[in-house]
Amino acid sequence: MADISKAAQVAKEMKNYGMDILGISESRWKGAGETKLQSGDTVIYVGDDEHQVKGVAIMMNERAKKSLMEWTPINKRMIKARFYSKYKKLTVIQAYAPTNDAKEEEKEEFYQQLQDNVSSCNKNDMLIVMGDLNAKVGKDDSHMQEVLGKHGCGTINENGELLCNFCQINGLIITGSIFPHKEIHKVT
């Protein structure tokens, strides 16, 4: 999305799917800020200060933008936004985790920052952690039934274990493994 015209394409697809809020990983925009697109959608983003690498963003339609209470650019891998909603407030954290091949310290730092941000959320809010967490959680849910469904894919990897442990500690569910999908739609 380094090019603003690509943002317009993403906004069009968001509308086609009937989505109000869309999390984006690898947005590749420099710095942090807020941009209103010609479509009326708004993008809040944070990325590397010098290079068009990594970065996360949250795109929202006009209705969602009106509900936006506040947002925080955390770092080039994480952004947090809080919204009014019908029954309770909603906190969304868009995250882009290091790959499975990344150094252990980088992964630990990412999950510590994620944990710090989840811990700082209002306990009465509905919480959604979304994004590219670069994890395979596998099909075997026997060790983490409260976190995983039966519709994962492959075999759990190291990042999958980190994600499952994080979710277990925070009472979160990996929703991509709860519902059946075609195999082609389970991975990118």
C-alpha atoms as a PDB file:
ATOM      1  CA  MET A   1       0.000   0.000   0.000  1.00  0.00           C
ATOM      2  CA  ALA A   2       2.968   2.329  -0.362  1.00  0.00           C
ATOM      3  CA  ASP A   3       1.057   3.899  -3.257  1.00  0.00           C
ATOM      4  CA  ILE A   4      -2.176   5.778  -2.395  1.00  0.00           C
ATOM      5  CA  SER A   5      -3.903   4.207  -5.439  1.00  0.00           C
ATOM      6  CA  LYS A   6      -3.475   0.785  -3.816  1.00  0.00           C
ATOM      7  CA  ALA A   7      -5.305   2.114  -0.750  1.00  0.00           C
ATOM      8  CA  ALA A   8      -8.237   2.957  -3.033  1.00  0.00           C
ATOM      9  CA  GLN A   9      -8.282  -0.635  -4.308  1.00  0.00           C
ATOM     10  CA  VAL A  10      -8.260  -1.970  -0.746  1.00  0.00           C
ATOM     11  CA  ALA A  11     -11.098   0.410   0.192  1.00  0.00           C
ATOM     12  CA  LYS A  12     -13.133  -0.878  -2.754  1.00  0.00           C
ATOM     13  CA  GLU A  13     -12.643  -4.485  -1.629  1.00  0.00           C
ATOM     14  CA  MET A  14     -13.508  -3.563   1.958  1.00  0.00           C
ATOM     15  CA  LYS A  15     -16.792  -2.133   0.685  1.00  0.00           C
ATOM     16  CA  ASN A  16     -17.439  -5.205  -1.523  1.00  0.00           C
ATOM     17  CA  TYR A  17     -17.141  -7.435   1.555  1.00  0.00           C
ATOM     18  CA  GLY A  18     -19.394  -5.147   3.619  1.00  0.00           C
ATOM     19  CA  MET A  19     -16.720  -4.443   6.222  1.00  0.00           C
ATOM     20  CA  ASP A  20     -16.654  -1.377   8.459  1.00  0.00           C
ATOM     21  CA  ILE A  21     -13.124  -1.915   9.789  1.00  0.00           C
ATOM     22  CA  LEU A  22     -10.176  -3.603   8.091  1.00  0.00           C
ATOM     23  CA  GLY A  23      -6.759  -4.331   9.580  1.00  0.00           C
ATOM     24  CA  ILE A  24      -3.779  -4.108   7.239  1.00  0.00           C
ATOM     25  CA  SER A  25      -0.308  -5.577   7.735  1.00  0.00           C
ATOM     26  CA  GLU A  26       2.680  -4.456   5.687  1.00  0.00           C
ATOM     27  CA  SER A  27       1.036  -1.135   4.872  1.00  0.00           C
ATOM     28  CA  ARG A  28       4.504   0.269   4.064  1.00  0.00           C
ATOM     29  CA  TRP A  29       3.618   3.869   4.896  1.00  0.00           C
ATOM     30  CA  LYS A  30       6.266   5.971   6.634  1.00  0.00           C
ATOM     31  CA  GLY A  31       5.709   7.398  10.097  1.00  0.00           C
ATOM     32  CA  ALA A  32       2.332   7.600  11.795  1.00  0.00           C
ATOM     33  CA  GLY A  33      -0.782   9.451  10.784  1.00  0.00           C
ATOM     34  CA  GLU A  34      -4.332   9.559   9.545  1.00  0.00           C
ATOM     35  CA  THR A  35      -5.445   9.870   5.918  1.00  0.00           C
ATOM     36  CA  LYS A  36      -8.892  10.309   4.438  1.00  0.00           C
ATOM     37  CA  LEU A  37      -9.278   8.626   1.043  1.00  0.00           C
ATOM     38  CA  GLN A  38     -11.401   9.927  -1.840  1.00  0.00           C
ATOM     39  CA  SER A  39     -13.805   7.059  -1.120  1.00  0.00           C
ATOM     40  CA  GLY A  40     -14.553   8.664   2.271  1.00  0.00           C
ATOM     41  CA  ASP A  41     -12.753   5.881   4.127  1.00  0.00           C
ATOM     42  CA  THR A  42     -10.101   6.773   6.688  1.00  0.00           C
ATOM     43  CA  VAL A  43      -6.778   5.038   7.271  1.00  0.00           C
ATOM     44  CA  ILE A  44      -4.853   5.338  10.517  1.00  0.00           C
ATOM     45  CA  TYR A  45      -1.352   3.960  10.237  1.00  0.00           C
ATOM     46  CA  VAL A  46       2.097   3.556  11.727  1.00  0.00           C
ATOM     47  CA  GLY A  47       5.221   2.397   9.933  1.00  0.00           C
ATOM     48  CA  ASP A  48       8.973   2.735   9.816  1.00  0.00           C
ATOM     49  CA  ASP A  49      10.127   6.355  10.024  1.00  0.00           C
ATOM     50  CA  GLU A  50      12.692   6.076   7.233  1.00  0.00           C
ATOM     51  CA  HIS A  51      11.815   3.177   4.925  1.00  0.00           C
ATOM     52  CA  GLN A  52       8.653   1.863   3.305  1.00  0.00           C
ATOM     53  CA  VAL A  53       8.807  -1.483   5.115  1.00  0.00           C
ATOM     54  CA  LYS A  54       6.556  -3.278   7.557  1.00  0.00           C
ATOM     55  CA  GLY A  55       3.857  -1.037   9.008  1.00  0.00           C
ATOM     56  CA  VAL A  56       0.285  -1.606  10.137  1.00  0.00           C
ATOM     57  CA  ALA A  57      -2.931   0.267   9.463  1.00  0.00           C
ATOM     58  CA  ILE A  58      -6.621   0.221  10.216  1.00  0.00           C
ATOM     59  CA  MET A  59      -8.965   1.268   7.426  1.00  0.00           C
ATOM     60  CA  MET A  60     -12.493   2.265   8.395  1.00  0.00           C
ATOM     61  CA  ASN A  61     -15.561   3.474   6.581  1.00  0.00           C
ATOM     62  CA  GLU A  62     -17.289   6.758   7.496  1.00  0.00           C
ATOM     63  CA  ARG A  63     -19.625   5.080  10.003  1.00  0.00           C
ATOM     64  CA  ALA A  64     -16.750   3.440  11.858  1.00  0.00           C
ATOM     65  CA  LYS A  65     -14.739   6.685  11.753  1.00  0.00           C
ATOM     66  CA  LYS A  66     -17.608   8.447  13.559  1.00  0.00           C
ATOM     67  CA  SER A  67     -17.353   5.772  16.269  1.00  0.00           C
ATOM     68  CA  LEU A  68     -13.582   6.115  16.674  1.00  0.00           C
ATOM     69  CA  MET A  69     -12.824   7.349  20.188  1.00  0.00           C
ATOM     70  CA  GLU A  70      -9.024   7.299  20.085  1.00  0.00           C
ATOM     71  CA  TRP A  71      -6.107   5.549  18.461  1.00  0.00           C
ATOM     72  CA  THR A  72      -2.501   4.919  19.409  1.00  0.00           C
ATOM     73  CA  PRO A  73       0.390   4.236  17.042  1.00  0.00           C
ATOM     74  CA  ILE A  74       2.490   1.783  19.071  1.00  0.00           C
ATOM     75  CA  ASN A  75       5.287   0.856  16.657  1.00  0.00           C
ATOM     76  CA  LYS A  76       5.765  -0.355  13.078  1.00  0.00           C
ATOM     77  CA  ARG A  77       4.242  -3.704  14.076  1.00  0.00           C
ATOM     78  CA  MET A  78       1.256  -2.588  16.177  1.00  0.00           C
ATOM     79  CA  ILE A  79      -1.556  -0.042  16.282  1.00  0.00           C
ATOM     80  CA  LYS A  80      -4.467   0.222  18.705  1.00  0.00           C
ATOM     81  CA  ALA A  81      -7.865   1.871  18.198  1.00  0.00           C
ATOM     82  CA  ARG A  82     -10.904   2.209  20.452  1.00  0.00           C
ATOM     83  CA  PHE A  83     -14.461   2.573  19.160  1.00  0.00           C
ATOM     84  CA  TYR A  84     -17.937   3.216  20.501  1.00  0.00           C
ATOM     85  CA  SER A  85     -20.288   0.385  19.603  1.00  0.00           C
ATOM     86  CA  LYS A  86     -23.886  -0.516  20.289  1.00  0.00           C
ATOM     87  CA  TYR A  87     -23.533  -2.406  23.567  1.00  0.00           C
ATOM     88  CA  LYS A  88     -19.972  -1.887  24.770  1.00  0.00           C
ATOM     89  CA  LYS A  89     -16.819  -0.198  23.624  1.00  0.00           C
ATOM     90  CA  LEU A  90     -14.476  -2.041  21.262  1.00  0.00           C
ATOM     91  CA  THR A  91     -10.691  -2.071  21.298  1.00  0.00           C
ATOM     92  CA  VAL A  92      -8.912  -3.308  18.180  1.00  0.00           C
ATOM     93  CA  ILE A  93      -5.205  -4.091  18.075  1.00  0.00           C
ATOM     94  CA  GLN A  94      -3.801  -4.642  14.575  1.00  0.00           C
ATOM     95  CA  ALA A  95      -0.531  -6.564  14.819  1.00  0.00           C
ATOM     96  CA  TYR A  96       2.147  -7.816  12.440  1.00  0.00           C
ATOM     97  CA  ALA A  97       4.301 -10.421  14.168  1.00  0.00           C
ATOM     98  CA  PRO A  98       7.867 -11.343  13.247  1.00  0.00           C
ATOM     99  CA  THR A  99       8.181 -14.438  11.059  1.00  0.00           C
ATOM    100  CA  ASN A 100       8.976 -17.855  12.464  1.00  0.00           C
ATOM    101  CA  ASP A 101      12.606 -17.386  11.316  1.00  0.00           C
ATOM    102  CA  ALA A 102      13.083 -14.145  13.294  1.00  0.00           C
ATOM    103  CA  LYS A 103      15.401 -13.996  16.300  1.00  0.00           C
ATOM    104  CA  GLU A 104      13.991 -15.172  19.608  1.00  0.00           C
ATOM    105  CA  GLU A 105      14.543 -11.725  21.183  1.00  0.00           C
ATOM    106  CA  GLU A 106      12.501 -10.026  18.453  1.00  0.00           C
ATOM    107  CA  LYS A 107       9.587 -12.426  18.998  1.00  0.00           C
ATOM    108  CA  GLU A 108       9.751 -12.034  22.776  1.00  0.00           C
ATOM    109  CA  GLU A 109       9.804  -8.240  22.460  1.00  0.00           C
ATOM    110  CA  PHE A 110       6.789  -8.329  20.111  1.00  0.00           C
ATOM    111  CA  TYR A 111       4.711 -10.514  22.431  1.00  0.00           C
ATOM    112  CA  GLN A 112       5.723  -8.451  25.473  1.00  0.00           C
ATOM    113  CA  GLN A 113       4.566  -5.249  23.722  1.00  0.00           C
ATOM    114  CA  LEU A 114       1.361  -6.985  22.666  1.00  0.00           C
ATOM    115  CA  GLN A 115       0.785  -8.188  26.228  1.00  0.00           C
ATOM    116  CA  ASP A 116       1.446  -4.707  27.634  1.00  0.00           C
ATOM    117  CA  ASN A 117      -1.113  -3.225  25.244  1.00  0.00           C
ATOM    118  CA  VAL A 118      -3.741  -5.877  25.941  1.00  0.00           C
ATOM    119  CA  SER A 119      -3.203  -5.389  29.682  1.00  0.00           C
ATOM    120  CA  SER A 120      -3.692  -1.640  29.321  1.00  0.00           C
ATOM    121  CA  CYS A 121      -7.084  -2.045  27.592  1.00  0.00           C
ATOM    122  CA  ASN A 122     -10.251  -1.233  29.466  1.00  0.00           C
ATOM    123  CA  LYS A 123     -11.445  -4.509  31.008  1.00  0.00           C
ATOM    124  CA  ASN A 124     -15.065  -3.754  30.023  1.00  0.00           C
ATOM    125  CA  ASP A 125     -14.231  -3.383  26.315  1.00  0.00           C
ATOM    126  CA  MET A 126     -14.669  -6.104  23.740  1.00  0.00           C
ATOM    127  CA  LEU A 127     -11.138  -6.858  22.508  1.00  0.00           C
ATOM    128  CA  ILE A 128     -10.086  -7.950  19.032  1.00  0.00           C
ATOM    129  CA  VAL A 129      -6.440  -8.699  18.289  1.00  0.00           C
ATOM    130  CA  MET A 130      -6.112  -9.115  14.539  1.00  0.00           C
ATOM    131  CA  GLY A 131      -3.486  -9.068  11.864  1.00  0.00           C
ATOM    132  CA  ASP A 132      -0.741 -11.216  10.426  1.00  0.00           C
ATOM    133  CA  LEU A 133       0.609 -13.104  13.403  1.00  0.00           C
ATOM    134  CA  ASN A 134       2.815 -15.303  11.187  1.00  0.00           C
ATOM    135  CA  ALA A 135       1.758 -18.428  13.077  1.00  0.00           C
ATOM    136  CA  LYS A 136       0.581 -21.907  12.187  1.00  0.00           C
ATOM    137  CA  VAL A 137      -1.583 -23.334  14.958  1.00  0.00           C
ATOM    138  CA  GLY A 138      -2.149 -26.734  13.359  1.00  0.00           C
ATOM    139  CA  LYS A 139      -5.138 -29.065  13.341  1.00  0.00           C
ATOM    140  CA  ASP A 140      -4.547 -30.700  16.720  1.00  0.00           C
ATOM    141  CA  ASP A 141      -6.553 -28.784  19.318  1.00  0.00           C
ATOM    142  CA  SER A 142      -6.162 -31.366  22.108  1.00  0.00           C
ATOM    143  CA  HIS A 143      -3.633 -29.281  24.048  1.00  0.00           C
ATOM    144  CA  MET A 144      -5.444 -25.924  23.750  1.00  0.00           C
ATOM    145  CA  GLN A 145      -9.165 -26.589  23.364  1.00  0.00           C
ATOM    146  CA  GLU A 146     -10.169 -23.306  25.013  1.00  0.00           C
ATOM    147  CA  VAL A 147      -8.101 -21.372  22.452  1.00  0.00           C
ATOM    148  CA  LEU A 148      -8.280 -23.433  19.251  1.00  0.00           C
ATOM    149  CA  GLY A 149     -10.992 -24.916  17.115  1.00  0.00           C
ATOM    150  CA  LYS A 150     -10.719 -28.043  15.003  1.00  0.00           C
ATOM    151  CA  HIS A 151     -10.238 -26.237  11.687  1.00  0.00           C
ATOM    152  CA  GLY A 152      -6.622 -25.084  11.783  1.00  0.00           C
ATOM    153  CA  CYS A 153      -4.181 -26.304   9.166  1.00  0.00           C
ATOM    154  CA  GLY A 154      -0.841 -28.050   9.109  1.00  0.00           C
ATOM    155  CA  THR A 155       1.297 -28.608  12.169  1.00  0.00           C
ATOM    156  CA  ILE A 156       1.841 -26.023  14.892  1.00  0.00           C
ATOM    157  CA  ASN A 157       5.097 -24.088  14.601  1.00  0.00           C
ATOM    158  CA  GLU A 158       7.051 -22.060  17.186  1.00  0.00           C
ATOM    159  CA  ASN A 159       5.087 -18.873  16.435  1.00  0.00           C
ATOM    160  CA  GLY A 160       1.879 -20.902  16.729  1.00  0.00           C
ATOM    161  CA  GLU A 161       2.875 -21.974  20.230  1.00  0.00           C
ATOM    162  CA  LEU A 162       3.640 -18.362  21.178  1.00  0.00           C
ATOM    163  CA  LEU A 163       0.259 -17.240  19.834  1.00  0.00           C
ATOM    164  CA  CYS A 164      -1.640 -20.045  21.581  1.00  0.00           C
ATOM    165  CA  ASN A 165       0.079 -19.283  24.903  1.00  0.00           C
ATOM    166  CA  PHE A 166      -0.671 -15.568  24.519  1.00  0.00           C
ATOM    167  CA  CYS A 167      -4.336 -16.307  23.779  1.00  0.00           C
ATOM    168  CA  GLN A 168      -4.611 -18.722  26.684  1.00  0.00           C
ATOM    169  CA  ILE A 169      -3.172 -16.176  29.138  1.00  0.00           C
ATOM    170  CA  ASN A 170      -5.592 -13.493  27.918  1.00  0.00           C
ATOM    171  CA  GLY A 171      -8.734 -15.585  27.433  1.00  0.00           C
ATOM    172  CA  LEU A 172      -8.728 -15.053  23.660  1.00  0.00           C
ATOM    173  CA  ILE A 173      -9.817 -17.457  20.912  1.00  0.00           C
ATOM    174  CA  ILE A 174      -8.135 -17.976  17.545  1.00  0.00           C
ATOM    175  CA  THR A 175     -11.283 -17.573  15.477  1.00  0.00           C
ATOM    176  CA  GLY A 176      -9.688 -18.643  12.193  1.00  0.00           C
ATOM    177  CA  SER A 177      -9.581 -22.187  13.579  1.00  0.00           C
ATOM    178  CA  ILE A 178     -13.183 -22.257  14.836  1.00  0.00           C
ATOM    179  CA  PHE A 179     -15.107 -22.312  11.560  1.00  0.00           C
ATOM    180  CA  PRO A 180     -14.568 -24.600   8.556  1.00  0.00           C
ATOM    181  CA  HIS A 181     -13.059 -22.990   5.461  1.00  0.00           C
ATOM    182  CA  LYS A 182     -11.688 -24.335   2.210  1.00  0.00           C
ATOM    183  CA  GLU A 183      -7.991 -25.188   2.585  1.00  0.00           C
ATOM    184  CA  ILE A 184      -7.086 -22.515   0.016  1.00  0.00           C
ATOM    185  CA  HIS A 185      -8.647 -19.829   2.246  1.00  0.00           C
ATOM    186  CA  LYS A 186      -6.802 -20.854   5.416  1.00  0.00           C
ATOM    187  CA  VAL A 187      -3.336 -19.647   4.449  1.00  0.00           C
ATOM    188  CA  THR A 188      -1.882 -16.837   2.384  1.00  0.00           C
END
